[in-house]
Each structure stands twice: as C-alpha cells, then as structure tokens.
Amino acid sequence: MDYRLHDLRQLSELLEAEANGRPFDRTHARRLAQALAEHQPEIGNTMRLICERLKQGDARD
C-alpha cells in the first residue's frame, strides 16, 4: 500500500506552519489533502475535513 509519506510530511509541515501563525501555501496544502483523500481512503474523511477548513480560510482572506 502506498502511504504517500512525502505528501503526508509536506501537509503536516504546512499545517504546523498554520498552527504556529507562520505563512504557508494554503492552496498547496488543500491540493495535498485532496490527493491524499483520493489515494488513501482510510484517512479520506480527515483529509476532506482539512480541505473544507482550508477553503473556508480562503473565503476569509
């Protein structure tokens, strides 16, 4: 099974930057979460929640 570890690491770094108030690429984070949701069904629900939250953040910017 392909866990796409590189994508998971990238997404975790982006979300950590967000949590710490640092600038981060919201669009890239959303794309990673979308790809992970498609390719890793076992974490799909969590990734879709992240996508929705990142979209809502775009609306506030």
PDB file of N, CA and C in Angstrom:
ATOM      1  N   MET A   1       0.851  -1.193   0.000  1.00  0.00           N
ATOM      2  CA  MET A   1       0.000   0.000   0.000  1.00  0.00           C
ATOM      3  C   MET A   1       0.890   1.248   0.000  1.00  0.00           C
ATOM      4  N   ASP A   2       0.548   2.174  -0.851  1.00  0.00           N
ATOM      5  CA  ASP A   2       1.303   3.420  -0.975  1.00  0.00           C
ATOM      6  C   ASP A   2       0.762   4.438   0.020  1.00  0.00           C
ATOM      7  N   TYR A   3       1.548   4.765   1.017  1.00  0.00           N
ATOM      8  CA  TYR A   3       1.093   5.711   2.042  1.00  0.00           C
ATOM      9  C   TYR A   3       1.377   7.163   1.689  1.00  0.00           C
ATOM     10  N   ARG A   4       2.068   7.376   0.565  1.00  0.00           N
ATOM     11  CA  ARG A   4       2.353   8.739   0.124  1.00  0.00           C
ATOM     12  C   ARG A   4       2.979   9.543   1.265  1.00  0.00           C
ATOM     13  N   LEU A   5       4.006   8.959   1.854  1.00  0.00           N
ATOM     14  CA  LEU A   5       4.642   9.584   3.016  1.00  0.00           C
ATOM     15  C   LEU A   5       5.148  10.987   2.727  1.00  0.00           C
ATOM     16  N   HIS A   6       5.653  11.197   1.536  1.00  0.00           N
ATOM     17  CA  HIS A   6       6.149  12.530   1.198  1.00  0.00           C
ATOM     18  C   HIS A   6       5.014  13.561   1.281  1.00  0.00           C
ATOM     19  N   ASP A   7       3.857  13.205   0.716  1.00  0.00           N
ATOM     20  CA  ASP A   7       2.709  14.115   0.758  1.00  0.00           C
ATOM     21  C   ASP A   7       2.240  14.345   2.193  1.00  0.00           C
ATOM     22  N   LEU A   8       2.217  13.287   2.985  1.00  0.00           N
ATOM     23  CA  LEU A   8       1.816  13.426   4.392  1.00  0.00           C
ATOM     24  C   LEU A   8       2.767  14.337   5.157  1.00  0.00           C
ATOM     25  N   ARG A   9       4.052  14.179   4.903  1.00  0.00           N
ATOM     26  CA  ARG A   9       5.034  15.037   5.588  1.00  0.00           C
ATOM     27  C   ARG A   9       4.880  16.490   5.171  1.00  0.00           C
ATOM     28  N   GLN A  10       4.716  16.701   3.874  1.00  0.00           N
ATOM     29  CA  GLN A  10       4.529  18.075   3.383  1.00  0.00           C
ATOM     30  C   GLN A  10       3.295  18.716   4.003  1.00  0.00           C
ATOM     31  N   LEU A  11       2.195  17.977   4.006  1.00  0.00           N
ATOM     32  CA  LEU A  11       0.964  18.515   4.565  1.00  0.00           C
ATOM     33  C   LEU A  11       1.121  18.800   6.050  1.00  0.00           C
ATOM     34  N   SER A  12       1.778  17.918   6.764  1.00  0.00           N
ATOM     35  CA  SER A  12       1.956  18.151   8.197  1.00  0.00           C
ATOM     36  C   SER A  12       2.815  19.388   8.446  1.00  0.00           C
ATOM     37  N   GLU A  13       3.820  19.622   7.617  1.00  0.00           N
ATOM     38  CA  GLU A  13       4.646  20.828   7.763  1.00  0.00           C
ATOM     39  C   GLU A  13       3.828  22.088   7.491  1.00  0.00           C
ATOM     40  N   LEU A  14       2.995  22.036   6.471  1.00  0.00           N
ATOM     41  CA  LEU A  14       2.157  23.193   6.155  1.00  0.00           C
ATOM     42  C   LEU A  14       1.150  23.474   7.266  1.00  0.00           C
ATOM     43  N   LEU A  15       0.534  22.424   7.793  1.00  0.00           N
ATOM     44  CA  LEU A  15      -0.443  22.606   8.874  1.00  0.00           C
ATOM     45  C   LEU A  15       0.232  23.065  10.163  1.00  0.00           C
ATOM     46  N   GLU A  16       1.450  22.618  10.381  1.00  0.00           N
ATOM     47  CA  GLU A  16       2.205  23.089  11.551  1.00  0.00           C
ATOM     48  C   GLU A  16       2.509  24.578  11.411  1.00  0.00           C
ATOM     49  N   ALA A  17       2.876  25.010  10.220  1.00  0.00           N
ATOM     50  CA  ALA A  17       3.126  26.437   9.991  1.00  0.00           C
ATOM     51  C   ALA A  17       1.860  27.233  10.265  1.00  0.00           C
ATOM     52  N   GLU A  18       0.730  26.735   9.788  1.00  0.00           N
ATOM     53  CA  GLU A  18      -0.538  27.418  10.037  1.00  0.00           C
ATOM     54  C   GLU A  18      -0.816  27.512  11.540  1.00  0.00           C
ATOM     55  N   ALA A  19      -0.627  26.411  12.235  1.00  0.00           N
ATOM     56  CA  ALA A  19      -0.907  26.372  13.672  1.00  0.00           C
ATOM     57  C   ALA A  19      -0.020  27.342  14.446  1.00  0.00           C
ATOM     58  N   ASN A  20       1.178  27.566  13.935  1.00  0.00           N
ATOM     59  CA  ASN A  20       2.119  28.471  14.606  1.00  0.00           C
ATOM     60  C   ASN A  20       2.032  29.900  14.099  1.00  0.00           C
ATOM     61  N   GLY A  21       1.059  30.171  13.235  1.00  0.00           N
ATOM     62  CA  GLY A  21       0.856  31.530  12.750  1.00  0.00           C
ATOM     63  C   GLY A  21       1.841  31.970  11.693  1.00  0.00           C
ATOM     64  N   ARG A  22       2.573  31.034  11.103  1.00  0.00           N
ATOM     65  CA  ARG A  22       3.528  31.375  10.053  1.00  0.00           C
ATOM     66  C   ARG A  22       2.825  31.325   8.697  1.00  0.00           C
ATOM     67  N   PRO A  23       3.326  32.056   7.744  1.00  0.00           N
ATOM     68  CA  PRO A  23       2.740  31.992   6.397  1.00  0.00           C
ATOM     69  C   PRO A  23       2.921  30.588   5.821  1.00  0.00           C
ATOM     70  N   PHE A  24       1.938  30.146   5.039  1.00  0.00           N
ATOM     71  CA  PHE A  24       2.023  28.847   4.384  1.00  0.00           C
ATOM     72  C   PHE A  24       1.183  28.890   3.122  1.00  0.00           C
ATOM     73  N   ASP A  25       1.436  27.966   2.233  1.00  0.00           N
ATOM     74  CA  ASP A  25       0.732  27.902   0.955  1.00  0.00           C
ATOM     75  C   ASP A  25      -0.567  27.121   1.144  1.00  0.00           C
ATOM     76  N   ARG A  26      -1.648  27.839   1.372  1.00  0.00           N
ATOM     77  CA  ARG A  26      -2.962  27.242   1.642  1.00  0.00           C
ATOM     78  C   ARG A  26      -3.435  26.409   0.450  1.00  0.00           C
ATOM     79  N   THR A  27      -3.207  26.887  -0.762  1.00  0.00           N
ATOM     80  CA  THR A  27      -3.643  26.169  -1.959  1.00  0.00           C
ATOM     81  C   THR A  27      -2.916  24.839  -2.088  1.00  0.00           C
ATOM     82  N   HIS A  28      -1.618  24.855  -1.848  1.00  0.00           N
ATOM     83  CA  HIS A  28      -0.829  23.621  -1.925  1.00  0.00           C
ATOM     84  C   HIS A  28      -1.279  22.629  -0.843  1.00  0.00           C
ATOM     85  N   ALA A  29      -1.530  23.121   0.342  1.00  0.00           N
ATOM     86  CA  ALA A  29      -1.991  22.256   1.431  1.00  0.00           C
ATOM     87  C   ALA A  29      -3.324  21.615   1.060  1.00  0.00           C
ATOM     88  N   ARG A  30      -4.222  22.393   0.479  1.00  0.00           N
ATOM     89  CA  ARG A  30      -5.525  21.860   0.082  1.00  0.00           C
ATOM     90  C   ARG A  30      -5.367  20.807  -1.015  1.00  0.00           C
ATOM     91  N   ARG A  31      -4.488  21.048  -1.982  1.00  0.00           N
ATOM     92  CA  ARG A  31      -4.254  20.060  -3.044  1.00  0.00           C
ATOM     93  C   ARG A  31      -3.696  18.751  -2.482  1.00  0.00           C
ATOM     94  N   LEU A  32      -2.769  18.870  -1.542  1.00  0.00           N
ATOM     95  CA  LEU A  32      -2.214  17.664  -0.921  1.00  0.00           C
ATOM     96  C   LEU A  32      -3.298  16.886  -0.188  1.00  0.00           C
ATOM     97  N   ALA A  33      -4.123  17.581   0.571  1.00  0.00           N
ATOM     98  CA  ALA A  33      -5.196  16.920   1.317  1.00  0.00           C
ATOM     99  C   ALA A  33      -6.184  16.252   0.362  1.00  0.00           C
ATOM    100  N   GLN A  34      -6.488  16.910  -0.755  1.00  0.00           N
ATOM    101  CA  GLN A  34      -7.400  16.317  -1.742  1.00  0.00           C
ATOM    102  C   GLN A  34      -6.804  15.053  -2.340  1.00  0.00           C
ATOM    103  N   ALA A  35      -5.541  15.104  -2.698  1.00  0.00           N
ATOM    104  CA  ALA A  35      -4.880  13.928  -3.280  1.00  0.00           C
ATOM    105  C   ALA A  35      -4.824  12.785  -2.269  1.00  0.00           C
ATOM    106  N   LEU A  36      -4.508  13.104  -1.034  1.00  0.00           N
ATOM    107  CA  LEU A  36      -4.453  12.075  -0.005  1.00  0.00           C
ATOM    108  C   LEU A  36      -5.832  11.461   0.232  1.00  0.00           C
ATOM    109  N   ALA A  37      -6.872  12.272   0.197  1.00  0.00           N
ATOM    110  CA  ALA A  37      -8.234  11.759   0.374  1.00  0.00           C
ATOM    111  C   ALA A  37      -8.585  10.763  -0.731  1.00  0.00           C
ATOM    112  N   GLU A  38      -8.139  11.037  -1.939  1.00  0.00           N
ATOM    113  CA  GLU A  38      -8.434  10.148  -3.067  1.00  0.00           C
ATOM    114  C   GLU A  38      -7.639   8.851  -3.010  1.00  0.00           C
ATOM    115  N   HIS A  39      -6.375   8.958  -2.644  1.00  0.00           N
ATOM    116  CA  HIS A  39      -5.474   7.806  -2.711  1.00  0.00           C
ATOM    117  C   HIS A  39      -5.403   6.990  -1.430  1.00  0.00           C
ATOM    118  N   GLN A  40      -5.839   7.556  -0.327  1.00  0.00           N
ATOM    119  CA  GLN A  40      -5.776   6.869   0.966  1.00  0.00           C
ATOM    120  C   GLN A  40      -7.153   6.897   1.623  1.00  0.00           C
ATOM    121  N   PRO A  41      -8.035   6.013   1.221  1.00  0.00           N
ATOM    122  CA  PRO A  41      -9.410   6.060   1.732  1.00  0.00           C
ATOM    123  C   PRO A  41      -9.511   5.944   3.252  1.00  0.00           C
ATOM    124  N   GLU A  42      -8.541   5.308   3.881  1.00  0.00           N
ATOM    125  CA  GLU A  42      -8.596   5.157   5.331  1.00  0.00           C
ATOM    126  C   GLU A  42      -8.431   6.483   6.077  1.00  0.00           C
ATOM    127  N   ILE A  43      -7.877   7.488   5.419  1.00  0.00           N
ATOM    128  CA  ILE A  43      -7.767   8.813   6.042  1.00  0.00           C
ATOM    129  C   ILE A  43      -8.565   9.858   5.255  1.00  0.00           C
ATOM    130  N   GLY A  44      -9.379   9.372   4.326  1.00  0.00           N
ATOM    131  CA  GLY A  44     -10.125  10.264   3.442  1.00  0.00           C
ATOM    132  C   GLY A  44     -11.017  11.253   4.160  1.00  0.00           C
ATOM    133  N   ASN A  45     -11.756  10.803   5.173  1.00  0.00           N
ATOM    134  CA  ASN A  45     -12.657  11.720   5.882  1.00  0.00           C
ATOM    135  C   ASN A  45     -11.891  12.861   6.533  1.00  0.00           C
ATOM    136  N   THR A  46     -10.781  12.552   7.156  1.00  0.00           N
ATOM    137  CA  THR A  46      -9.968  13.590   7.799  1.00  0.00           C
ATOM    138  C   THR A  46      -9.425  14.569   6.765  1.00  0.00           C
ATOM    139  N   MET A  47      -8.946  14.050   5.638  1.00  0.00           N
ATOM    140  CA  MET A  47      -8.389  14.915   4.600  1.00  0.00           C
ATOM    141  C   MET A  47      -9.474  15.813   4.004  1.00  0.00           C
ATOM    142  N   ARG A  48     -10.688  15.291   3.854  1.00  0.00           N
ATOM    143  CA  ARG A  48     -11.784  16.128   3.329  1.00  0.00           C
ATOM    144  C   ARG A  48     -12.143  17.238   4.322  1.00  0.00           C
ATOM    145  N   LEU A  49     -12.089  16.945   5.604  1.00  0.00           N
ATOM    146  CA  LEU A  49     -12.331  17.993   6.613  1.00  0.00           C
ATOM    147  C   LEU A  49     -11.266  19.084   6.523  1.00  0.00           C
ATOM    148  N   ILE A  50     -10.027  18.680   6.321  1.00  0.00           N
ATOM    149  CA  ILE A  50      -8.938  19.648   6.176  1.00  0.00           C
ATOM    150  C   ILE A  50      -9.180  20.505   4.936  1.00  0.00           C
ATOM    151  N   CYS A  51      -9.576  19.878   3.838  1.00  0.00           N
ATOM    152  CA  CYS A  51      -9.871  20.624   2.601  1.00  0.00           C
ATOM    153  C   CYS A  51     -10.947  21.675   2.848  1.00  0.00           C
ATOM    154  N   GLU A  52     -12.016  21.282   3.502  1.00  0.00           N
ATOM    155  CA  GLU A  52     -13.113  22.217   3.773  1.00  0.00           C
ATOM    156  C   GLU A  52     -12.650  23.378   4.650  1.00  0.00           C
ATOM    157  N   ARG A  53     -11.873  23.079   5.661  1.00  0.00           N
ATOM    158  CA  ARG A  53     -11.387  24.139   6.548  1.00  0.00           C
ATOM    159  C   ARG A  53     -10.472  25.097   5.786  1.00  0.00           C
ATOM    160  N   LEU A  54      -9.630  24.567   4.928  1.00  0.00           N
ATOM    161  CA  LEU A  54      -8.731  25.421   4.154  1.00  0.00           C
ATOM    162  C   LEU A  54      -9.509  26.267   3.152  1.00  0.00           C
ATOM    163  N   LYS A  55     -10.579  25.725   2.573  1.00  0.00           N
ATOM    164  CA  LYS A  55     -11.425  26.516   1.673  1.00  0.00           C
ATOM    165  C   LYS A  55     -12.086  27.660   2.430  1.00  0.00           C
ATOM    166  N   GLN A  56     -12.574  27.384   3.633  1.00  0.00           N
ATOM    167  CA  GLN A  56     -13.210  28.417   4.437  1.00  0.00           C
ATOM    168  C   GLN A  56     -12.224  29.523   4.774  1.00  0.00           C
ATOM    169  N   GLY A  57     -10.984  29.150   5.022  1.00  0.00           N
ATOM    170  CA  GLY A  57      -9.948  30.135   5.274  1.00  0.00           C
ATOM    171  C   GLY A  57      -9.690  31.031   4.085  1.00  0.00           C
ATOM    172  N   ASP A  58      -9.796  30.454   2.870  1.00  0.00           N
ATOM    173  CA  ASP A  58      -9.647  31.259   1.654  1.00  0.00           C
ATOM    174  C   ASP A  58     -10.713  32.331   1.586  1.00  0.00           C
ATOM    175  N   ALA A  59     -11.918  32.004   2.002  1.00  0.00           N
ATOM    176  CA  ALA A  59     -13.018  32.966   1.943  1.00  0.00           C
ATOM    177  C   ALA A  59     -12.789  34.136   2.896  1.00  0.00           C
ATOM    178  N   ARG A  60     -12.082  33.892   3.985  1.00  0.00           N
ATOM    179  CA  ARG A  60     -11.809  34.960   4.957  1.00  0.00           C
ATOM    180  C   ARG A  60     -10.688  35.872   4.506  1.00  0.00           C
ATOM    181  N   ASP A  61      -9.772  35.344   3.665  1.00  0.00           N
ATOM    182  CA  ASP A  61      -8.601  36.134   3.238  1.00  0.00           C
ATOM    183  C   ASP A  61      -8.975  37.214   2.256  1.00  0.00           C
TER     184      ASP A  61
END
